[in-house]
Amino acid sequence: MSDEVILRFNEVSFEYLAKKPVLDEASFSLRRGSKVTLMGQNGAGKSTIFALIKGELKPTAGQISLTNNATIGAADQTIAREHLTLSLEDYFALAFKEKPANLRSLISKALEAVNLEAPFEKIIGEFSGGQQARILLAYALVQSPDILILDEPTNNLDQAGIDHLLTFLIMYEKTVIVISHDADFLNCFTEGVIYLDVFTHKTEIYVGDYYSVVEEISKRVEREIKKNSQLEKKIQDRKEKVNFFAHKGGKMRKLAKKLKTETEDLEDNMVDVRREDKTIRDFDIPVQEDLSGEIVNLKKVRVIKNHEPILKNIDKILTRRTRLLVTGPNGIGKSTLLRALVAGTQEGASINEKVRVGYYSQDFSNLAYDKTAFKVLEESLADGLGEQELRSVASGFLLTGEVLALPVAALSEGQKGLLAFARLTLMQPGLLILDEPTNHINFRHIPVIAEAINNYEGAIIMVSHMPEFVSQIKMSETLDLGKI
């Protein structure tokens, strides 16, 4: 790794709305060849920093400089909706100002690096979520960038995909900045953290492996809380003395004035304890009333082999508290099966028409992007629930009134995930269909979500690439699409 600084933020400020800062005089620098994590609470502005680095946004104040016009390649969290209808070749052509003559050769090398084989003519939207995650990374690599930016690169990847990506990143000699909620993944290859404080809107730099940094930040928060507690006692004591001496007159009144000034100084020294470490409240997903009998009947499923769908016969009936885990390698058709079940287009499969279905889509395609978060929740309310319940549930998922007023399209991916869970809670479904429910979710929230799903009394069909999450939920059956 070189000592040369390749990227520098110098007192950079940014705000979308007047007096609503996302960054406030944030400063940090990256050395060539370094591999760092960008860390902060959902909605803190991590994706905004990425957009500033890529030049998609301009800072309100301050300066961002790249050494020797360093090039940037970015693997975004999701493929833009308008690109889902493009062929694989046409999608990769977007990475270049002019289509290179050897484009297919470049694509093949990039796909090989992410362990994916696919025909150039295949439409992007026909790839599975896991395959699209690999395509996003390959899209960044095909540009051979000096700085590689990865936004949640392990989302939708199975363990083999994650292991392959890790090996690649460990061997990769250029600069890497990554946002991820997968702590184990980050700990394996990053060597420092740029920490974005959602409260102060400033950045802090930490050196060390990911777990060591998280522990250091946690200890710092404890110290801040302890310091505040001590200051609060002093302030209360001074205020009582001020009140006592202020009524005595003469020299006592002068003393009261002095004590009041000292009290104000103490209050100024109170530390703004960071709120990043807030975790969502414990919650329940209430089950649909009068739920009984057959909920789902699965006679056939479609699996994808060599990019071709094949119909397979199975025999599964789901009733109350049946929990079916759908497994198999990336690209086998797990998400396709779940989407088809929800849409009612899966041949040989049906959901009882009286059952209310709660669907968590890995790409949030079932959330109306043009509607406000409040409207999405309002339209999901089960009978008998009103605005008071809606706002109470939303606040438990850290969705404030300010967030609820925003259109879904303006939310961070993490906030969309929490909105999706708030929606499920308010729906009171009889069947949960969960497609990668930990995608984009802060790792602190995951145990709370696992407990809520485990306590749910209806039927569940779930796909998840996160073994430690699945292990916290008592699944009753497994359907391995790779083995039928």
Protein backbone atom coordinates (compact mmCIF):
# COMPACT_ATOMS: atom_id res chain seq x y z
CA MET A 1 0.00 0.00 0.00
CA SER A 2 1.27 3.45 -0.97
CA ASP A 3 1.49 6.47 1.34
CA GLU A 4 0.10 8.60 -1.51
CA VAL A 5 -3.31 10.12 -0.73
CA ILE A 6 -5.70 9.24 -3.56
CA LEU A 7 -8.89 10.86 -2.20
CA ARG A 8 -9.37 13.79 0.17
CA PHE A 9 -12.45 15.41 1.71
CA ASN A 10 -11.51 18.85 3.06
CA GLU A 11 -14.19 20.38 5.35
CA VAL A 12 -16.95 19.16 3.04
CA SER A 13 -20.53 20.20 3.85
CA PHE A 14 -23.66 19.08 2.05
CA GLU A 15 -27.38 19.58 2.50
CA TYR A 16 -30.36 18.57 0.36
CA LEU A 17 -32.61 21.10 2.11
CA ALA A 18 -31.65 24.45 3.64
CA LYS A 19 -30.50 24.09 7.26
CA LYS A 20 -30.84 20.28 7.08
CA PRO A 21 -27.17 19.24 6.89
CA VAL A 22 -26.12 15.75 5.87
CA LEU A 23 -22.40 16.59 6.17
CA ASP A 24 -20.90 19.42 8.22
CA GLU A 25 -17.24 20.21 7.50
CA ALA A 26 -16.39 16.51 7.12
CA SER A 27 -12.71 15.78 6.54
CA PHE A 28 -10.86 12.54 5.78
CA SER A 29 -8.31 11.16 3.35
CA LEU A 30 -7.64 7.75 1.79
CA ARG A 31 -4.27 6.33 0.79
CA ARG A 32 -3.82 4.47 -2.47
CA GLY A 33 -4.47 0.75 -1.96
CA SER A 34 -6.32 1.16 1.35
CA LYS A 35 -9.50 -0.79 2.14
CA VAL A 36 -11.94 0.96 4.44
CA THR A 37 -15.50 0.69 5.72
CA LEU A 38 -17.89 3.64 5.59
CA MET A 39 -20.01 3.25 8.74
CA GLY A 40 -23.03 5.04 10.21
CA GLN A 41 -26.68 4.61 11.05
CA ASN A 42 -29.26 4.07 8.30
CA GLY A 43 -30.06 7.48 6.88
CA ALA A 44 -26.86 9.11 8.19
CA GLY A 45 -25.69 9.93 4.68
CA LYS A 46 -23.33 7.10 3.69
CA SER A 47 -24.80 6.82 0.18
CA THR A 48 -24.60 10.63 -0.08
CA ILE A 49 -20.83 10.43 0.56
CA PHE A 50 -20.59 7.85 -2.23
CA ALA A 51 -22.57 10.12 -4.58
CA LEU A 52 -20.21 13.01 -3.73
CA ILE A 53 -17.14 10.87 -4.43
CA LYS A 54 -18.62 9.78 -7.78
CA GLY A 55 -19.38 13.40 -8.67
CA GLU A 56 -23.14 12.80 -8.88
CA LEU A 57 -23.59 15.44 -6.16
CA LYS A 58 -21.62 18.65 -5.55
CA PRO A 59 -20.68 19.77 -2.01
CA THR A 60 -22.41 22.81 -0.55
CA ALA A 61 -19.02 23.90 0.82
CA GLY A 62 -15.50 22.48 1.09
CA GLN A 63 -13.44 20.56 -1.44
CA ILE A 64 -13.20 16.96 -2.70
CA SER A 65 -9.97 16.16 -4.53
CA LEU A 66 -8.81 13.08 -6.45
CA THR A 67 -5.08 12.55 -7.08
CA ASN A 68 -4.09 12.48 -10.77
CA ASN A 69 -7.76 12.30 -11.81
CA ALA A 70 -8.15 8.88 -10.20
CA THR A 71 -10.98 6.87 -11.77
CA ILE A 72 -13.93 5.55 -9.78
CA GLY A 73 -15.98 2.40 -10.28
CA ALA A 74 -19.08 1.84 -8.19
CA ALA A 75 -21.11 -1.29 -7.42
CA ASP A 76 -24.46 0.10 -6.34
CA GLN A 77 -26.94 -1.69 -4.08
CA THR A 78 -29.46 -2.34 -6.85
CA ILE A 79 -29.68 -2.14 -10.62
CA ALA A 80 -31.72 0.88 -11.73
CA ARG A 81 -35.24 -0.09 -12.75
CA GLU A 82 -34.87 1.45 -16.21
CA HIS A 83 -31.88 -0.85 -16.87
CA LEU A 84 -33.69 -4.12 -16.08
CA THR A 85 -34.93 -4.40 -19.69
CA LEU A 86 -31.41 -4.16 -21.19
CA SER A 87 -29.37 -7.13 -22.36
CA LEU A 88 -26.26 -8.00 -20.36
CA GLU A 89 -24.02 -6.59 -23.12
CA ASP A 90 -26.00 -3.33 -23.46
CA TYR A 91 -25.96 -2.85 -19.68
CA PHE A 92 -22.17 -3.13 -19.50
CA ALA A 93 -21.83 -0.76 -22.46
CA LEU A 94 -23.26 1.96 -20.19
CA ALA A 95 -20.00 1.87 -18.21
CA PHE A 96 -18.16 3.52 -21.12
CA LYS A 97 -18.54 6.85 -22.90
CA GLU A 98 -17.83 5.01 -26.16
CA LYS A 99 -18.47 1.28 -26.61
CA PRO A 100 -15.04 -0.42 -26.78
CA ALA A 101 -14.35 -2.87 -29.60
CA ASN A 102 -13.33 -5.57 -27.11
CA LEU A 103 -16.39 -5.09 -24.85
CA ARG A 104 -17.33 -8.78 -24.79
CA SER A 105 -13.81 -9.73 -23.77
CA LEU A 106 -13.87 -7.14 -20.96
CA ILE A 107 -17.30 -8.39 -19.79
CA SER A 108 -16.09 -12.01 -19.76
CA LYS A 109 -13.08 -11.11 -17.57
CA ALA A 110 -15.24 -9.09 -15.17
CA LEU A 111 -17.84 -11.88 -14.89
CA GLU A 112 -15.07 -14.42 -14.31
CA ALA A 113 -13.82 -12.30 -11.39
CA VAL A 114 -17.26 -12.54 -9.73
CA ASN A 115 -17.73 -16.22 -10.64
CA LEU A 116 -20.68 -15.81 -13.01
CA GLU A 117 -21.30 -17.29 -16.46
CA ALA A 118 -24.13 -15.86 -18.53
CA PRO A 119 -25.11 -15.26 -22.17
CA PHE A 120 -24.51 -11.72 -23.43
CA GLU A 121 -28.09 -11.53 -24.81
CA LYS A 122 -29.86 -12.37 -21.53
CA ILE A 123 -32.06 -9.57 -20.15
CA ILE A 124 -30.85 -8.10 -16.83
CA GLY A 125 -34.29 -8.42 -15.19
CA GLU A 126 -34.23 -12.18 -15.82
CA PHE A 127 -31.23 -12.70 -13.55
CA SER A 128 -31.80 -13.64 -9.89
CA GLY A 129 -31.08 -11.21 -7.07
CA GLY A 130 -27.80 -12.99 -6.31
CA GLN A 131 -26.76 -12.91 -9.97
CA GLN A 132 -27.64 -9.21 -10.18
CA ALA A 133 -25.45 -8.56 -7.12
CA ARG A 134 -22.53 -10.15 -8.99
CA ILE A 135 -23.35 -8.21 -12.16
CA LEU A 136 -23.25 -4.94 -10.16
CA LEU A 137 -19.77 -5.78 -8.93
CA ALA A 138 -18.61 -6.85 -12.39
CA TYR A 139 -19.98 -3.56 -13.79
CA ALA A 140 -17.65 -1.68 -11.45
CA LEU A 141 -14.68 -3.94 -12.24
CA VAL A 142 -15.06 -3.73 -16.02
CA GLN A 143 -13.97 -0.08 -15.76
CA SER A 144 -10.69 -1.06 -14.01
CA PRO A 145 -11.07 1.82 -11.52
CA ASP A 146 -8.43 3.29 -9.20
CA ILE A 147 -11.08 3.48 -6.46
CA LEU A 148 -13.69 0.74 -6.12
CA ILE A 149 -16.88 1.73 -4.27
CA LEU A 150 -19.10 -1.08 -2.98
CA ASP A 151 -22.56 -0.47 -1.51
CA GLU A 152 -23.87 -3.56 0.32
CA PRO A 153 -22.03 -6.00 -2.01
CA THR A 154 -23.02 -9.16 -0.09
CA ASN A 155 -26.77 -8.56 -0.36
CA ASN A 156 -28.39 -11.55 -2.13
CA LEU A 157 -25.09 -13.46 -2.34
CA ASP A 158 -25.01 -17.04 -1.07
CA GLN A 159 -22.05 -18.17 1.04
CA ALA A 160 -20.10 -19.36 -2.00
CA GLY A 161 -20.59 -15.93 -3.60
CA ILE A 162 -19.48 -14.12 -0.44
CA ASP A 163 -16.39 -16.32 -0.12
CA HIS A 164 -15.47 -15.67 -3.75
CA LEU A 165 -15.94 -11.91 -3.30
CA LEU A 166 -13.81 -11.93 -0.13
CA THR A 167 -10.97 -13.73 -1.89
CA PHE A 168 -11.13 -11.24 -4.72
CA LEU A 169 -11.07 -8.19 -2.42
CA ILE A 170 -8.20 -9.51 -0.29
CA MET A 171 -6.11 -9.93 -3.45
CA TYR A 172 -7.28 -6.65 -5.03
CA GLU A 173 -4.43 -4.11 -5.04
CA LYS A 174 -6.42 -0.91 -5.56
CA THR A 175 -8.39 1.30 -3.16
CA VAL A 176 -11.73 -0.02 -1.86
CA ILE A 177 -14.47 1.78 0.11
CA VAL A 178 -17.36 -0.40 1.23
CA ILE A 179 -20.72 0.01 2.97
CA SER A 180 -22.04 -3.24 4.40
CA HIS A 181 -24.10 -4.49 7.32
CA ASP A 182 -22.30 -7.85 7.21
CA ALA A 183 -19.88 -7.47 10.11
CA ASP A 184 -18.01 -10.76 9.52
CA PHE A 185 -17.46 -9.85 5.87
CA LEU A 186 -16.09 -6.41 6.78
CA ASN A 187 -13.80 -7.78 9.47
CA CYS A 188 -12.08 -10.08 6.99
CA PHE A 189 -10.53 -7.43 4.74
CA THR A 190 -11.04 -3.81 5.82
CA GLU A 191 -8.31 -2.07 7.80
CA GLY A 192 -10.07 1.08 8.97
CA VAL A 193 -13.40 2.87 9.32
CA ILE A 194 -14.71 6.27 8.22
CA TYR A 195 -17.46 6.83 10.77
CA LEU A 196 -20.30 9.20 9.85
CA ASP A 197 -22.06 10.58 12.95
CA VAL A 198 -25.74 11.12 12.12
CA PHE A 199 -26.04 13.65 14.96
CA THR A 200 -23.04 15.95 14.34
CA HIS A 201 -22.86 15.22 10.56
CA LYS A 202 -19.07 14.94 10.85
CA THR A 203 -16.72 12.09 10.03
CA GLU A 204 -14.26 10.35 12.36
CA ILE A 205 -11.38 8.11 11.29
CA TYR A 206 -10.55 4.84 13.06
CA VAL A 207 -7.72 2.43 12.24
CA GLY A 208 -8.01 -1.29 12.89
CA ASP A 209 -10.18 -4.26 11.98
CA TYR A 210 -13.94 -3.78 11.99
CA TYR A 211 -14.75 -5.48 15.30
CA SER A 212 -12.03 -3.52 17.13
CA VAL A 213 -13.42 -0.25 15.79
CA VAL A 214 -17.01 -1.13 16.76
CA GLU A 215 -15.78 -1.92 20.28
CA GLU A 216 -13.83 1.36 20.42
CA ILE A 217 -16.91 3.35 19.36
CA SER A 218 -19.05 1.49 21.89
CA LYS A 219 -16.62 2.34 24.71
CA ARG A 220 -16.57 5.96 23.60
CA VAL A 221 -20.37 6.11 23.81
CA GLU A 222 -20.20 4.66 27.34
CA ARG A 223 -17.67 7.33 28.33
CA GLU A 224 -19.87 10.06 26.86
CA ILE A 225 -22.91 8.82 28.78
CA LYS A 226 -20.89 8.64 32.01
CA LYS A 227 -19.50 12.14 31.50
CA ASN A 228 -22.98 13.52 30.91
CA SER A 229 -24.29 11.82 34.03
CA GLN A 230 -21.56 13.47 36.14
CA LEU A 231 -22.16 16.87 34.54
CA GLU A 232 -25.92 16.59 35.10
CA LYS A 233 -25.35 16.11 38.83
CA LYS A 234 -23.06 19.18 38.96
CA ILE A 235 -25.52 21.27 36.95
CA GLN A 236 -28.44 20.32 39.17
CA ASP A 237 -26.40 21.14 42.28
CA ARG A 238 -25.36 24.55 40.84
CA LYS A 239 -28.92 25.39 39.82
CA GLU A 240 -30.16 24.71 43.35
CA LYS A 241 -27.42 27.01 44.75
CA VAL A 242 -28.23 29.71 42.18
CA ASN A 243 -31.90 29.64 43.23
CA PHE A 244 -30.90 29.79 46.92
CA PHE A 245 -28.38 32.67 46.65
CA ALA A 246 -30.37 34.71 44.11
CA HIS A 247 -32.92 35.62 46.78
CA LYS A 248 -30.35 36.67 49.40
CA GLY A 249 -29.30 40.01 47.87
CA GLY A 250 -25.90 41.83 47.94
CA LYS A 251 -22.81 39.65 47.57
CA MET A 252 -24.96 36.52 47.52
CA ARG A 253 -26.69 37.75 44.35
CA LYS A 254 -23.27 38.32 42.71
CA LEU A 255 -22.30 34.77 43.66
CA ALA A 256 -25.57 33.51 42.16
CA LYS A 257 -24.76 35.29 38.89
CA LYS A 258 -21.27 33.74 38.82
CA LEU A 259 -22.68 30.27 39.53
CA LYS A 260 -25.26 30.73 36.77
CA THR A 261 -22.49 31.50 34.24
CA GLU A 262 -20.54 28.43 35.39
CA THR A 263 -23.71 26.32 35.06
CA GLU A 264 -24.19 27.51 31.48
CA ASP A 265 -20.55 26.55 30.71
CA LEU A 266 -21.18 23.08 32.16
CA GLU A 267 -24.27 22.70 29.98
CA ASP A 268 -22.19 23.67 26.93
CA ASN A 269 -19.77 20.87 27.85
CA MET A 270 -22.51 18.25 27.79
CA VAL A 271 -21.59 15.73 25.11
CA ASP A 272 -24.08 15.07 22.33
CA VAL A 273 -24.30 11.33 22.88
CA ARG A 274 -24.46 9.82 19.44
CA ARG A 275 -27.73 8.25 18.46
CA GLU A 276 -26.30 5.85 15.88
CA ASP A 277 -26.50 3.09 18.40
CA LYS A 278 -30.27 3.18 18.64
CA THR A 279 -31.82 -0.18 17.93
CA ILE A 280 -35.38 -0.68 16.79
CA ARG A 281 -37.85 -1.55 19.55
CA ASP A 282 -38.95 -5.13 20.14
CA PHE A 283 -42.06 -5.74 18.04
CA ASP A 284 -44.66 -8.36 17.18
CA ILE A 285 -46.21 -9.15 13.81
CA PRO A 286 -49.83 -9.88 14.77
CA VAL A 287 -51.40 -12.76 12.85
CA GLN A 288 -54.61 -12.47 10.83
CA GLU A 289 -57.65 -13.35 12.91
CA ASP A 290 -59.61 -16.57 12.23
CA LEU A 291 -56.69 -18.14 10.37
CA SER A 292 -57.23 -21.87 9.88
CA GLY A 293 -56.94 -24.73 7.41
CA GLU A 294 -54.79 -24.83 4.28
CA ILE A 295 -52.86 -21.61 3.63
CA VAL A 296 -50.56 -22.57 0.72
CA ASN A 297 -50.67 -25.57 -1.61
CA LEU A 298 -47.42 -26.23 -3.50
CA LYS A 299 -47.65 -28.98 -6.11
CA LYS A 300 -45.08 -27.65 -8.60
CA VAL A 301 -42.13 -25.26 -8.59
CA ARG A 302 -39.98 -23.87 -11.38
CA VAL A 303 -36.19 -24.11 -11.11
CA ILE A 304 -33.61 -22.51 -13.39
CA LYS A 305 -30.92 -24.79 -14.86
CA ASN A 306 -28.45 -23.41 -17.44
CA HIS A 307 -30.62 -20.26 -17.65
CA GLU A 308 -33.67 -22.34 -18.65
CA PRO A 309 -36.78 -22.89 -16.43
CA ILE A 310 -37.76 -26.48 -15.58
CA LEU A 311 -41.03 -27.40 -13.83
CA LYS A 312 -40.59 -29.87 -10.93
CA ASN A 313 -43.28 -31.76 -9.01
CA ILE A 314 -43.38 -31.47 -5.21
CA ASP A 315 -46.09 -31.86 -2.59
CA LYS A 316 -46.18 -29.33 0.23
CA ILE A 317 -49.15 -27.92 2.11
CA LEU A 318 -48.61 -25.03 4.53
CA THR A 319 -50.91 -24.45 7.48
CA ARG A 320 -50.72 -22.17 10.52
CA ARG A 321 -47.17 -22.07 11.97
CA THR A 322 -45.64 -23.98 9.03
CA ARG A 323 -42.25 -22.38 8.38
CA LEU A 324 -40.74 -23.24 5.00
CA LEU A 325 -37.13 -22.27 4.25
CA VAL A 326 -36.40 -22.16 0.50
CA THR A 327 -32.72 -22.79 -0.27
CA GLY A 328 -30.45 -23.41 -3.25
CA PRO A 329 -27.58 -21.71 -5.09
CA ASN A 330 -27.84 -18.21 -6.59
CA GLY A 331 -29.80 -18.27 -9.86
CA ILE A 332 -31.80 -21.45 -9.12
CA GLY A 333 -35.09 -19.50 -8.90
CA LYS A 334 -35.76 -18.83 -5.19
CA SER A 335 -36.87 -15.19 -5.52
CA THR A 336 -38.68 -16.00 -8.78
CA LEU A 337 -40.74 -18.62 -6.91
CA LEU A 338 -41.66 -16.16 -4.15
CA ARG A 339 -42.62 -13.43 -6.63
CA ALA A 340 -44.74 -15.89 -8.64
CA LEU A 341 -46.53 -17.07 -5.49
CA VAL A 342 -47.40 -13.48 -4.52
CA ALA A 343 -48.53 -12.66 -8.08
CA GLY A 344 -50.53 -15.89 -8.39
CA THR A 345 -48.62 -16.90 -11.54
CA GLN A 346 -46.85 -20.01 -10.21
CA GLU A 347 -48.26 -23.03 -12.06
CA GLY A 348 -49.34 -25.79 -9.65
CA ALA A 349 -49.29 -23.51 -6.60
CA SER A 350 -51.98 -21.50 -4.84
CA ILE A 351 -52.55 -19.35 -1.76
CA ASN A 352 -55.92 -19.47 0.01
CA GLU A 353 -57.76 -16.37 -1.27
CA LYS A 354 -58.92 -15.51 2.27
CA VAL A 355 -55.33 -15.24 3.53
CA ARG A 356 -53.72 -11.81 3.81
CA VAL A 357 -50.15 -12.03 2.42
CA GLY A 358 -47.31 -9.96 3.89
CA TYR A 359 -44.48 -9.85 1.34
CA TYR A 360 -40.95 -8.55 2.01
CA SER A 361 -39.36 -8.09 -1.42
CA GLN A 362 -35.56 -8.02 -1.51
CA ASP A 363 -35.63 -5.07 -3.96
CA PHE A 364 -38.65 -3.32 -2.33
CA SER A 365 -40.45 -3.47 -5.69
CA ASN A 366 -43.76 -3.85 -3.84
CA LEU A 367 -43.35 -0.44 -2.16
CA ALA A 368 -44.83 2.47 -4.13
CA TYR A 369 -41.78 4.72 -4.67
CA ASP A 370 -43.88 7.75 -5.62
CA LYS A 371 -45.97 7.66 -2.42
CA THR A 372 -44.89 8.94 0.98
CA ALA A 373 -43.80 6.45 3.61
CA PHE A 374 -46.84 7.50 5.65
CA LYS A 375 -49.20 6.72 2.73
CA VAL A 376 -47.62 3.27 2.21
CA LEU A 377 -48.23 2.43 5.87
CA GLU A 378 -51.71 3.97 5.86
CA GLU A 379 -52.75 1.77 2.92
CA SER A 380 -51.47 -1.30 4.79
CA LEU A 381 -53.47 -0.78 7.99
CA ALA A 382 -55.53 -3.75 9.12
CA ASP A 383 -59.16 -3.12 10.11
CA GLY A 384 -59.55 -1.26 13.40
CA LEU A 385 -56.14 0.42 13.31
CA GLY A 386 -55.70 4.17 12.86
CA GLU A 387 -53.10 6.91 12.59
CA GLN A 388 -52.11 6.68 16.26
CA GLU A 389 -51.14 3.01 15.91
CA LEU A 390 -49.40 3.79 12.62
CA ARG A 391 -47.15 6.48 14.12
CA SER A 392 -46.45 4.40 17.22
CA VAL A 393 -45.33 1.40 15.15
CA ALA A 394 -43.30 3.62 12.79
CA SER A 395 -41.42 5.27 15.67
CA GLY A 396 -40.43 1.82 16.94
CA PHE A 397 -38.70 1.31 13.59
CA LEU A 398 -36.90 4.71 13.90
CA LEU A 399 -39.21 6.19 11.25
CA THR A 400 -39.81 9.72 12.51
CA GLY A 401 -42.53 12.09 11.33
CA GLU A 402 -39.94 13.74 9.10
CA VAL A 403 -39.09 10.41 7.45
CA LEU A 404 -42.76 9.45 7.06
CA ALA A 405 -43.37 12.66 5.09
CA LEU A 406 -40.75 11.69 2.47
CA PRO A 407 -41.55 9.73 -0.70
CA VAL A 408 -40.29 6.13 -0.52
CA ALA A 409 -37.85 6.91 -3.36
CA ALA A 410 -36.05 9.43 -1.09
CA LEU A 411 -35.46 6.93 1.74
CA SER A 412 -32.15 5.13 2.19
CA GLU A 413 -32.21 1.39 1.46
CA GLY A 414 -32.00 0.71 5.22
CA GLN A 415 -35.01 2.94 5.88
CA LYS A 416 -36.95 1.15 3.13
CA GLY A 417 -36.21 -2.15 4.89
CA LEU A 418 -37.52 -0.82 8.22
CA LEU A 419 -40.56 0.64 6.44
CA ALA A 420 -41.25 -2.82 4.97
CA PHE A 421 -41.23 -4.37 8.46
CA ALA A 422 -43.46 -1.61 9.86
CA ARG A 423 -45.85 -2.37 6.99
CA LEU A 424 -45.92 -6.09 7.82
CA THR A 425 -46.66 -5.28 11.46
CA LEU A 426 -49.62 -3.06 10.55
CA MET A 427 -50.99 -5.52 7.95
CA GLN A 428 -51.51 -8.39 10.41
CA PRO A 429 -50.97 -11.03 7.69
CA GLY A 430 -51.81 -14.74 7.75
CA LEU A 431 -48.80 -15.60 5.57
CA LEU A 432 -45.33 -14.02 5.56
CA ILE A 433 -43.31 -14.35 2.36
CA LEU A 434 -39.82 -13.05 3.16
CA ASP A 435 -37.20 -12.65 0.44
CA GLU A 436 -33.83 -11.82 2.02
CA PRO A 437 -35.35 -9.91 4.97
CA THR A 438 -31.95 -8.88 6.36
CA ASN A 439 -30.90 -7.03 3.17
CA HIS A 440 -29.92 -3.42 3.95
CA ILE A 441 -30.74 -3.89 7.66
CA ASN A 442 -28.27 -2.64 10.30
CA PHE A 443 -26.80 -5.67 12.09
CA ARG A 444 -27.93 -4.27 15.47
CA HIS A 445 -31.57 -4.65 14.39
CA ILE A 446 -31.29 -8.24 13.13
CA PRO A 447 -31.76 -10.08 16.49
CA VAL A 448 -34.92 -8.02 17.14
CA ILE A 449 -36.30 -8.91 13.69
CA ALA A 450 -35.40 -12.60 14.08
CA GLU A 451 -37.28 -12.76 17.39
CA ALA A 452 -40.38 -11.11 15.89
CA ILE A 453 -40.43 -13.55 12.97
CA ASN A 454 -39.86 -16.51 15.30
CA ASN A 455 -42.81 -15.43 17.48
CA TYR A 456 -45.14 -14.97 14.49
CA GLU A 457 -48.12 -17.35 14.62
CA GLY A 458 -48.96 -17.56 10.90
CA ALA A 459 -47.28 -19.45 8.04
CA ILE A 460 -43.85 -18.38 6.74
CA ILE A 461 -42.01 -18.92 3.45
CA MET A 462 -38.51 -17.47 3.62
CA VAL A 463 -35.33 -17.10 1.57
CA SER A 464 -32.20 -15.89 3.39
CA HIS A 465 -28.47 -16.08 2.68
CA MET A 466 -27.59 -15.30 6.32
CA PRO A 467 -27.13 -18.55 8.32
CA GLU A 468 -26.81 -16.82 11.72
CA PHE A 469 -30.17 -15.11 11.11
CA VAL A 470 -31.90 -18.31 9.97
CA SER A 471 -30.53 -20.16 13.03
CA GLN A 472 -32.53 -17.83 15.30
CA ILE A 473 -35.83 -18.87 13.67
CA LYS A 474 -37.30 -22.35 14.16
CA MET A 475 -38.02 -23.45 10.59
CA SER A 476 -40.18 -26.57 10.28
CA GLU A 477 -39.40 -27.54 6.66
CA THR A 478 -36.78 -26.90 3.97
CA LEU A 479 -37.25 -26.85 0.20
CA ASP A 480 -33.86 -27.09 -1.53
CA LEU A 481 -34.44 -26.11 -5.15
CA GLY A 482 -31.00 -27.38 -6.06
CA LYS A 483 -31.87 -30.95 -5.05
CA ILE A 484 -35.35 -31.55 -6.47
